[in-house]
Amino acid sequence: MLLQCRPLFMGEEKSLPIDTELDFSQVEYQGTNPLANPVRVTGAVTVRAGVVQLSARAAFTFHGRCDRCLTPFDEAYDIPLENTLVATLENEENDDYILLDQYRLDLDDLVMADILLELPYKSLCREDCRGLCPMCGKNLNEGLCGCNRKSVDPRLAVLGQLLE
């Protein structure tokens, strides 16, 4: 979705409201498509004292698979989007500002970048996930499996004889 911000930069308008849903269902993240439902973006692009600012919120549900136990889970997010927009930049490598192309803001790219920065590196169904048993593969969140965890690495078996 392209937002025409020219009226804000030219002083013709003070605010441009945003209330839309963006489709990121085809975006791949860590081998899955976690944004199957639309992302709801609400807020505004405003100008104050000559500074054009995007202030919005992105609400979405992250559909993931736990990295420890492989259980599917859904987690709701509501992240703030705060960006300063500029029409020209002397140093184009400055990440503090969003440079617009002909006063147009590509809202899809900006929201997707902010979402990717907010998502956790490790997807966990819960903070204290115990994962899978390395021996039998049972989900340890559902209870213990009964595997003998005292198995000794065969390379260290000789050291075990010293303890006997």
N, C-alpha and C. Protein backbone atom coordinates (compact mmCIF):
# COMPACT_ATOMS: atom_id res chain seq x y z
N MET A 1 0.84 -1.17 0.00
CA MET A 1 0.00 0.00 0.00
C MET A 1 0.89 1.24 0.00
N LEU A 2 0.70 2.09 -0.97
CA LEU A 2 1.47 3.32 -1.07
C LEU A 2 0.67 4.48 -0.48
N LEU A 3 1.31 5.23 0.41
CA LEU A 3 0.69 6.43 0.98
C LEU A 3 1.34 7.65 0.34
N GLN A 4 0.53 8.53 -0.20
CA GLN A 4 1.03 9.76 -0.79
C GLN A 4 1.17 10.80 0.33
N CYS A 5 2.39 11.14 0.67
CA CYS A 5 2.67 12.06 1.78
C CYS A 5 3.00 13.47 1.31
N ARG A 6 2.90 13.74 0.03
CA ARG A 6 3.23 15.06 -0.51
C ARG A 6 2.46 16.18 0.19
N PRO A 7 1.13 16.04 0.42
CA PRO A 7 0.41 17.14 1.09
C PRO A 7 0.96 17.46 2.48
N LEU A 8 1.52 16.49 3.17
CA LEU A 8 2.11 16.73 4.49
C LEU A 8 3.40 17.55 4.37
N PHE A 9 4.23 17.19 3.41
CA PHE A 9 5.50 17.89 3.23
C PHE A 9 5.30 19.30 2.69
N MET A 10 4.23 19.52 1.92
CA MET A 10 3.97 20.83 1.33
C MET A 10 3.14 21.73 2.24
N GLY A 11 2.74 21.23 3.41
CA GLY A 11 1.99 22.03 4.36
C GLY A 11 0.51 22.12 4.06
N GLU A 12 0.02 21.32 3.13
CA GLU A 12 -1.40 21.35 2.77
C GLU A 12 -2.27 20.58 3.76
N GLU A 13 -1.69 19.61 4.44
CA GLU A 13 -2.41 18.78 5.42
C GLU A 13 -1.56 18.67 6.67
N LYS A 14 -2.23 18.39 7.78
CA LYS A 14 -1.52 18.19 9.06
C LYS A 14 -1.45 16.72 9.45
N SER A 15 -2.37 15.90 8.91
CA SER A 15 -2.43 14.50 9.32
C SER A 15 -3.01 13.65 8.20
N LEU A 16 -2.52 12.43 8.13
CA LEU A 16 -3.02 11.43 7.17
C LEU A 16 -3.32 10.17 7.97
N PRO A 17 -4.62 9.86 8.21
CA PRO A 17 -4.95 8.69 9.03
C PRO A 17 -4.65 7.37 8.31
N ILE A 18 -4.34 6.36 9.10
CA ILE A 18 -4.08 5.01 8.57
C ILE A 18 -4.97 4.04 9.33
N ASP A 19 -5.74 3.27 8.60
CA ASP A 19 -6.55 2.20 9.17
C ASP A 19 -6.74 1.17 8.07
N THR A 20 -5.88 0.17 8.06
CA THR A 20 -5.89 -0.80 6.97
C THR A 20 -5.44 -2.17 7.45
N GLU A 21 -5.66 -3.16 6.60
CA GLU A 21 -5.16 -4.51 6.84
C GLU A 21 -4.21 -4.86 5.70
N LEU A 22 -3.05 -5.39 6.06
CA LEU A 22 -2.03 -5.76 5.08
C LEU A 22 -1.90 -7.28 5.05
N ASP A 23 -1.73 -7.82 3.86
CA ASP A 23 -1.63 -9.27 3.68
C ASP A 23 -0.17 -9.66 3.54
N PHE A 24 0.35 -10.38 4.54
CA PHE A 24 1.71 -10.89 4.51
C PHE A 24 1.69 -12.43 4.55
N SER A 25 0.65 -13.04 4.07
CA SER A 25 0.51 -14.50 4.15
C SER A 25 1.56 -15.24 3.32
N GLN A 26 2.17 -14.58 2.35
CA GLN A 26 3.19 -15.22 1.53
C GLN A 26 4.61 -14.99 2.04
N VAL A 27 4.75 -14.20 3.09
CA VAL A 27 6.08 -13.90 3.65
C VAL A 27 6.59 -15.11 4.41
N GLU A 28 7.82 -15.51 4.10
CA GLU A 28 8.43 -16.66 4.77
C GLU A 28 9.37 -16.17 5.86
N TYR A 29 9.26 -16.80 7.03
CA TYR A 29 10.11 -16.47 8.18
C TYR A 29 10.49 -17.77 8.85
N GLN A 30 11.76 -18.08 8.92
CA GLN A 30 12.29 -19.31 9.51
C GLN A 30 11.62 -20.55 8.92
N GLY A 31 11.42 -20.54 7.62
CA GLY A 31 10.91 -21.72 6.93
C GLY A 31 9.40 -21.91 6.98
N THR A 32 8.66 -20.96 7.55
CA THR A 32 7.20 -21.06 7.61
C THR A 32 6.58 -19.75 7.16
N ASN A 33 5.26 -19.73 7.06
CA ASN A 33 4.50 -18.52 6.76
C ASN A 33 3.69 -18.17 8.00
N PRO A 34 4.28 -17.43 8.94
CA PRO A 34 3.65 -17.22 10.25
C PRO A 34 2.56 -16.15 10.29
N LEU A 35 2.38 -15.39 9.22
CA LEU A 35 1.40 -14.31 9.22
C LEU A 35 0.26 -14.64 8.27
N ALA A 36 -0.43 -15.74 8.54
CA ALA A 36 -1.51 -16.20 7.68
C ALA A 36 -2.70 -15.24 7.70
N ASN A 37 -2.95 -14.61 8.85
CA ASN A 37 -4.05 -13.65 8.97
C ASN A 37 -3.55 -12.25 8.63
N PRO A 38 -4.43 -11.36 8.18
CA PRO A 38 -3.99 -9.99 7.86
C PRO A 38 -3.47 -9.25 9.10
N VAL A 39 -2.54 -8.35 8.86
CA VAL A 39 -1.97 -7.49 9.89
C VAL A 39 -2.76 -6.19 9.90
N ARG A 40 -3.33 -5.84 11.04
CA ARG A 40 -4.14 -4.62 11.18
C ARG A 40 -3.23 -3.47 11.59
N VAL A 41 -3.20 -2.41 10.77
CA VAL A 41 -2.37 -1.24 11.03
C VAL A 41 -3.27 -0.04 11.23
N THR A 42 -3.14 0.62 12.39
CA THR A 42 -3.92 1.82 12.68
C THR A 42 -2.98 2.89 13.23
N GLY A 43 -3.25 4.12 12.86
CA GLY A 43 -2.44 5.23 13.33
C GLY A 43 -2.55 6.40 12.38
N ALA A 44 -1.46 7.17 12.24
CA ALA A 44 -1.49 8.34 11.38
C ALA A 44 -0.07 8.77 11.03
N VAL A 45 0.02 9.47 9.91
CA VAL A 45 1.24 10.17 9.55
C VAL A 45 0.93 11.64 9.79
N THR A 46 1.71 12.28 10.65
CA THR A 46 1.44 13.66 11.03
C THR A 46 2.67 14.53 10.81
N VAL A 47 2.42 15.83 10.73
CA VAL A 47 3.52 16.78 10.61
C VAL A 47 3.40 17.77 11.77
N ARG A 48 4.51 17.95 12.48
CA ARG A 48 4.60 18.90 13.59
C ARG A 48 5.95 19.59 13.51
N ALA A 49 5.91 20.88 13.46
CA ALA A 49 7.13 21.68 13.39
C ALA A 49 8.03 21.26 12.23
N GLY A 50 7.41 20.90 11.11
CA GLY A 50 8.15 20.53 9.92
C GLY A 50 8.67 19.11 9.90
N VAL A 51 8.38 18.32 10.94
CA VAL A 51 8.84 16.93 11.02
C VAL A 51 7.66 16.01 10.72
N VAL A 52 7.82 15.14 9.73
CA VAL A 52 6.77 14.20 9.37
C VAL A 52 7.04 12.89 10.09
N GLN A 53 6.07 12.47 10.87
CA GLN A 53 6.23 11.30 11.75
C GLN A 53 5.12 10.29 11.51
N LEU A 54 5.49 9.02 11.36
CA LEU A 54 4.52 7.92 11.31
C LEU A 54 4.41 7.37 12.73
N SER A 55 3.19 7.38 13.26
CA SER A 55 2.91 6.80 14.58
C SER A 55 1.73 5.87 14.41
N ALA A 56 1.98 4.58 14.56
CA ALA A 56 0.91 3.60 14.33
C ALA A 56 1.16 2.37 15.19
N ARG A 57 0.23 1.43 15.10
CA ARG A 57 0.35 0.14 15.78
C ARG A 57 0.01 -0.94 14.77
N ALA A 58 0.71 -2.05 14.87
CA ALA A 58 0.45 -3.21 14.02
C ALA A 58 0.02 -4.36 14.92
N ALA A 59 -1.20 -4.86 14.72
CA ALA A 59 -1.72 -5.97 15.52
C ALA A 59 -1.84 -7.19 14.61
N PHE A 60 -1.30 -8.32 15.09
CA PHE A 60 -1.32 -9.53 14.29
C PHE A 60 -1.15 -10.75 15.18
N THR A 61 -1.45 -11.91 14.60
CA THR A 61 -1.25 -13.18 15.28
C THR A 61 -0.12 -13.91 14.58
N PHE A 62 0.86 -14.31 15.36
CA PHE A 62 2.01 -15.06 14.86
C PHE A 62 1.70 -16.55 15.01
N HIS A 63 1.67 -17.27 13.90
CA HIS A 63 1.43 -18.71 13.91
C HIS A 63 2.80 -19.39 13.76
N GLY A 64 3.25 -20.00 14.84
CA GLY A 64 4.59 -20.59 14.81
C GLY A 64 4.61 -22.03 15.26
N ARG A 65 5.80 -22.58 15.20
CA ARG A 65 6.06 -23.93 15.68
C ARG A 65 7.24 -23.81 16.62
N CYS A 66 7.07 -24.34 17.83
CA CYS A 66 8.08 -24.22 18.87
C CYS A 66 9.41 -24.83 18.39
N ASP A 67 10.49 -24.10 18.61
CA ASP A 67 11.82 -24.58 18.21
C ASP A 67 12.33 -25.69 19.11
N ARG A 68 11.76 -25.87 20.29
CA ARG A 68 12.21 -26.91 21.21
C ARG A 68 11.36 -28.18 21.13
N CYS A 69 10.02 -28.03 21.07
CA CYS A 69 9.17 -29.22 21.13
C CYS A 69 8.34 -29.43 19.86
N LEU A 70 8.44 -28.53 18.89
CA LEU A 70 7.76 -28.61 17.60
C LEU A 70 6.24 -28.49 17.69
N THR A 71 5.70 -28.06 18.82
CA THR A 71 4.27 -27.88 18.98
C THR A 71 3.83 -26.58 18.30
N PRO A 72 2.77 -26.63 17.48
CA PRO A 72 2.26 -25.37 16.89
C PRO A 72 1.66 -24.48 17.98
N PHE A 73 1.82 -23.16 17.82
CA PHE A 73 1.26 -22.21 18.78
C PHE A 73 0.91 -20.91 18.06
N ASP A 74 0.03 -20.13 18.67
CA ASP A 74 -0.34 -18.81 18.18
C ASP A 74 -0.03 -17.80 19.26
N GLU A 75 0.54 -16.66 18.87
CA GLU A 75 0.85 -15.61 19.82
C GLU A 75 0.41 -14.27 19.24
N ALA A 76 -0.34 -13.51 20.00
CA ALA A 76 -0.82 -12.20 19.56
C ALA A 76 0.25 -11.14 19.82
N TYR A 77 0.43 -10.26 18.86
CA TYR A 77 1.36 -9.15 18.97
C TYR A 77 0.63 -7.84 18.70
N ASP A 78 1.05 -6.80 19.35
CA ASP A 78 0.56 -5.44 19.10
C ASP A 78 1.78 -4.54 19.26
N ILE A 79 2.44 -4.24 18.14
CA ILE A 79 3.71 -3.53 18.21
C ILE A 79 3.57 -2.08 17.76
N PRO A 80 4.32 -1.19 18.38
CA PRO A 80 4.29 0.22 17.95
C PRO A 80 5.17 0.42 16.72
N LEU A 81 4.73 1.30 15.85
CA LEU A 81 5.50 1.68 14.67
C LEU A 81 5.76 3.18 14.77
N GLU A 82 6.99 3.55 15.00
CA GLU A 82 7.38 4.96 15.13
C GLU A 82 8.53 5.22 14.18
N ASN A 83 8.29 6.04 13.16
CA ASN A 83 9.32 6.34 12.17
C ASN A 83 9.23 7.80 11.75
N THR A 84 10.38 8.40 11.51
CA THR A 84 10.45 9.76 10.99
C THR A 84 10.69 9.67 9.49
N LEU A 85 9.86 10.37 8.73
CA LEU A 85 9.91 10.31 7.27
C LEU A 85 10.57 11.57 6.72
N VAL A 86 11.40 11.40 5.70
CA VAL A 86 12.06 12.54 5.06
C VAL A 86 11.98 12.39 3.55
N ALA A 87 12.01 13.53 2.85
CA ALA A 87 11.96 13.53 1.38
C ALA A 87 13.36 13.47 0.79
N THR A 88 14.35 14.00 1.52
CA THR A 88 15.74 13.96 1.05
C THR A 88 16.65 13.64 2.23
N LEU A 89 17.79 13.08 1.90
CA LEU A 89 18.78 12.72 2.93
C LEU A 89 20.16 12.97 2.37
N GLU A 90 21.03 13.58 3.16
CA GLU A 90 22.41 13.77 2.73
C GLU A 90 23.19 12.47 2.81
N ASN A 91 22.99 11.73 3.89
CA ASN A 91 23.65 10.45 4.10
C ASN A 91 22.60 9.35 4.00
N GLU A 92 22.51 8.67 2.88
CA GLU A 92 21.45 7.69 2.66
C GLU A 92 21.61 6.43 3.50
N GLU A 93 22.72 6.28 4.19
CA GLU A 93 22.92 5.12 5.05
C GLU A 93 22.47 5.39 6.48
N ASN A 94 21.82 6.51 6.72
CA ASN A 94 21.32 6.87 8.04
C ASN A 94 20.02 6.09 8.29
N ASP A 95 20.03 5.21 9.28
CA ASP A 95 18.86 4.36 9.57
C ASP A 95 17.85 5.04 10.49
N ASP A 96 18.11 6.27 10.91
CA ASP A 96 17.19 6.97 11.81
C ASP A 96 15.98 7.52 11.07
N TYR A 97 16.06 7.64 9.76
CA TYR A 97 14.99 8.23 8.96
C TYR A 97 14.59 7.30 7.83
N ILE A 98 13.33 7.42 7.43
CA ILE A 98 12.82 6.66 6.28
C ILE A 98 12.78 7.62 5.10
N LEU A 99 13.56 7.32 4.07
CA LEU A 99 13.61 8.15 2.87
C LEU A 99 12.47 7.76 1.94
N LEU A 100 11.65 8.74 1.59
CA LEU A 100 10.51 8.50 0.70
C LEU A 100 10.93 8.71 -0.75
N ASP A 101 10.34 7.93 -1.63
CA ASP A 101 10.57 8.06 -3.06
C ASP A 101 9.40 8.86 -3.64
N GLN A 102 9.67 10.10 -4.07
CA GLN A 102 8.66 11.00 -4.63
C GLN A 102 7.49 11.19 -3.67
N TYR A 103 7.81 11.35 -2.40
CA TYR A 103 6.84 11.60 -1.32
C TYR A 103 5.89 10.43 -1.08
N ARG A 104 6.23 9.25 -1.57
CA ARG A 104 5.37 8.07 -1.38
C ARG A 104 6.01 7.12 -0.38
N LEU A 105 5.17 6.65 0.54
CA LEU A 105 5.61 5.71 1.57
C LEU A 105 5.04 4.34 1.25
N ASP A 106 5.93 3.35 1.08
CA ASP A 106 5.49 1.97 0.89
C ASP A 106 5.23 1.38 2.28
N LEU A 107 3.97 1.41 2.70
CA LEU A 107 3.60 0.99 4.05
C LEU A 107 3.87 -0.50 4.25
N ASP A 108 3.67 -1.31 3.21
CA ASP A 108 3.90 -2.76 3.34
C ASP A 108 5.34 -3.06 3.75
N ASP A 109 6.29 -2.47 3.04
CA ASP A 109 7.70 -2.73 3.33
C ASP A 109 8.10 -2.25 4.72
N LEU A 110 7.61 -1.07 5.09
CA LEU A 110 7.96 -0.50 6.39
C LEU A 110 7.38 -1.34 7.53
N VAL A 111 6.13 -1.72 7.42
CA VAL A 111 5.49 -2.53 8.47
C VAL A 111 6.15 -3.90 8.56
N MET A 112 6.45 -4.52 7.42
CA MET A 112 7.08 -5.84 7.43
C MET A 112 8.46 -5.77 8.09
N ALA A 113 9.23 -4.74 7.79
CA ALA A 113 10.55 -4.59 8.40
C ALA A 113 10.44 -4.43 9.91
N ASP A 114 9.48 -3.62 10.36
CA ASP A 114 9.31 -3.43 11.81
C ASP A 114 8.83 -4.71 12.49
N ILE A 115 7.98 -5.47 11.82
CA ILE A 115 7.51 -6.75 12.38
C ILE A 115 8.66 -7.73 12.51
N LEU A 116 9.48 -7.84 11.47
CA LEU A 116 10.62 -8.78 11.51
C LEU A 116 11.61 -8.42 12.61
N LEU A 117 11.76 -7.12 12.89
CA LEU A 117 12.65 -6.71 13.98
C LEU A 117 12.07 -7.05 15.34
N GLU A 118 10.76 -7.14 15.43
CA GLU A 118 10.09 -7.41 16.71
C GLU A 118 9.97 -8.90 17.02
N LEU A 119 9.94 -9.75 16.01
CA LEU A 119 9.75 -11.18 16.24
C LEU A 119 10.96 -11.78 16.94
N PRO A 120 10.72 -12.75 17.81
CA PRO A 120 11.84 -13.37 18.53
C PRO A 120 12.68 -14.24 17.59
N TYR A 121 13.96 -14.33 17.92
CA TYR A 121 14.86 -15.18 17.14
C TYR A 121 14.50 -16.64 17.33
N LYS A 122 14.17 -17.01 18.55
CA LYS A 122 13.73 -18.36 18.89
C LYS A 122 12.23 -18.34 19.11
N SER A 123 11.50 -19.19 18.41
CA SER A 123 10.05 -19.30 18.59
C SER A 123 9.78 -20.37 19.63
N LEU A 124 9.20 -19.98 20.75
CA LEU A 124 8.91 -20.92 21.82
C LEU A 124 7.42 -20.89 22.15
N CYS A 125 6.86 -22.08 22.40
CA CYS A 125 5.45 -22.16 22.77
C CYS A 125 5.21 -21.53 24.13
N ARG A 126 6.20 -21.58 24.99
CA ARG A 126 6.18 -20.93 26.30
C ARG A 126 7.62 -20.80 26.78
N GLU A 127 7.85 -19.90 27.72
CA GLU A 127 9.22 -19.62 28.18
C GLU A 127 9.91 -20.84 28.79
N ASP A 128 9.17 -21.66 29.51
CA ASP A 128 9.78 -22.80 30.19
C ASP A 128 9.61 -24.12 29.42
N CYS A 129 9.54 -24.05 28.11
CA CYS A 129 9.39 -25.27 27.30
C CYS A 129 10.57 -26.20 27.55
N ARG A 130 10.27 -27.46 27.80
CA ARG A 130 11.31 -28.44 28.12
C ARG A 130 11.83 -29.17 26.89
N GLY A 131 11.15 -29.04 25.77
CA GLY A 131 11.62 -29.63 24.53
C GLY A 131 11.30 -31.10 24.40
N LEU A 132 12.08 -31.79 23.57
CA LEU A 132 11.89 -33.21 23.28
C LEU A 132 13.00 -34.02 23.93
N CYS A 133 12.68 -35.26 24.31
CA CYS A 133 13.69 -36.17 24.84
C CYS A 133 14.66 -36.50 23.71
N PRO A 134 15.97 -36.37 23.94
CA PRO A 134 16.93 -36.68 22.88
C PRO A 134 17.02 -38.17 22.57
N MET A 135 16.50 -39.00 23.47
CA MET A 135 16.56 -40.46 23.25
C MET A 135 15.36 -40.96 22.45
N CYS A 136 14.14 -40.64 22.95
CA CYS A 136 12.94 -41.22 22.34
C CYS A 136 12.09 -40.20 21.59
N GLY A 137 12.33 -38.90 21.79
CA GLY A 137 11.59 -37.87 21.07
C GLY A 137 10.27 -37.47 21.71
N LYS A 138 9.98 -37.93 22.92
CA LYS A 138 8.73 -37.57 23.59
C LYS A 138 8.77 -36.10 24.00
N ASN A 139 7.62 -35.44 23.91
CA ASN A 139 7.50 -34.06 24.35
C ASN A 139 7.57 -34.03 25.87
N LEU A 140 8.61 -33.45 26.44
CA LEU A 140 8.83 -33.44 27.88
C LEU A 140 7.89 -32.48 28.62
N ASN A 141 7.16 -31.64 27.89
CA ASN A 141 6.15 -30.78 28.52
C ASN A 141 4.95 -31.61 28.96
N GLU A 142 4.77 -32.79 28.37
CA GLU A 142 3.64 -33.67 28.70
C GLU A 142 3.99 -34.65 29.81
N GLY A 143 5.22 -34.66 30.26
CA GLY A 143 5.66 -35.55 31.32
C GLY A 143 6.97 -36.22 30.96
N LEU A 144 7.55 -36.89 31.94
CA LEU A 144 8.83 -37.57 31.71
C LEU A 144 8.60 -38.82 30.87
N CYS A 145 9.63 -39.25 30.19
CA CYS A 145 9.49 -40.37 29.27
C CYS A 145 9.98 -41.69 29.86
N GLY A 146 10.85 -41.67 30.84
CA GLY A 146 11.36 -42.89 31.44
C GLY A 146 12.64 -43.41 30.79
N CYS A 147 13.22 -42.65 29.90
CA CYS A 147 14.48 -43.07 29.27
C CYS A 147 15.62 -43.02 30.29
N ASN A 148 16.60 -43.89 30.11
CA ASN A 148 17.78 -43.90 30.96
C ASN A 148 18.70 -42.78 30.50
N ARG A 149 18.77 -41.73 31.28
CA ARG A 149 19.57 -40.58 30.90
C ARG A 149 20.99 -40.68 31.44
N LYS A 150 21.31 -41.78 32.08
CA LYS A 150 22.64 -41.94 32.65
C LYS A 150 23.59 -42.60 31.66
N SER A 151 23.21 -42.68 30.42
CA SER A 151 24.11 -43.29 29.44
C SER A 151 25.38 -42.44 29.33
N VAL A 152 26.49 -43.10 29.25
CA VAL A 152 27.79 -42.45 29.22
C VAL A 152 28.31 -42.49 27.80
N ASP A 153 28.90 -41.41 27.41
CA ASP A 153 29.53 -41.34 26.10
C ASP A 153 30.61 -42.42 26.06
N PRO A 154 30.60 -43.30 25.04
CA PRO A 154 31.59 -44.38 25.00
C PRO A 154 33.04 -43.90 25.03
N ARG A 155 33.29 -42.69 24.59
CA ARG A 155 34.65 -42.17 24.62
C ARG A 155 35.11 -41.87 26.04
N LEU A 156 34.13 -41.68 26.96
CA LEU A 156 34.47 -41.36 28.34
C LEU A 156 34.26 -42.55 29.28
N ALA A 157 33.95 -43.73 28.76
CA ALA A 157 33.68 -44.90 29.58
C ALA A 157 34.89 -45.28 30.44
N VAL A 158 36.09 -45.10 29.93
CA VAL A 158 37.30 -45.42 30.68
C VAL A 158 37.40 -44.55 31.92
N LEU A 159 37.00 -43.29 31.83
CA LEU A 159 37.04 -42.40 33.00
C LEU A 159 36.01 -42.86 34.05
N GLY A 160 34.91 -43.44 33.62
CA GLY A 160 33.90 -43.94 34.53
C GLY A 160 34.44 -45.07 35.39
N GLN A 161 35.36 -45.83 34.87
CA GLN A 161 35.96 -46.95 35.63
C GLN A 161 36.79 -46.41 36.81
N LEU A 162 37.32 -45.21 36.68
CA LEU A 162 38.11 -44.62 37.76
C LEU A 162 37.22 -44.35 38.99
N LEU A 163 35.94 -44.06 38.78
CA LEU A 163 35.03 -43.76 39.88
C LEU A 163 34.61 -45.03 40.62
N GLU A 164 34.76 -46.18 40.02
CA GLU A 164 34.32 -47.43 40.64
C GLU A 164 35.33 -48.04 41.56
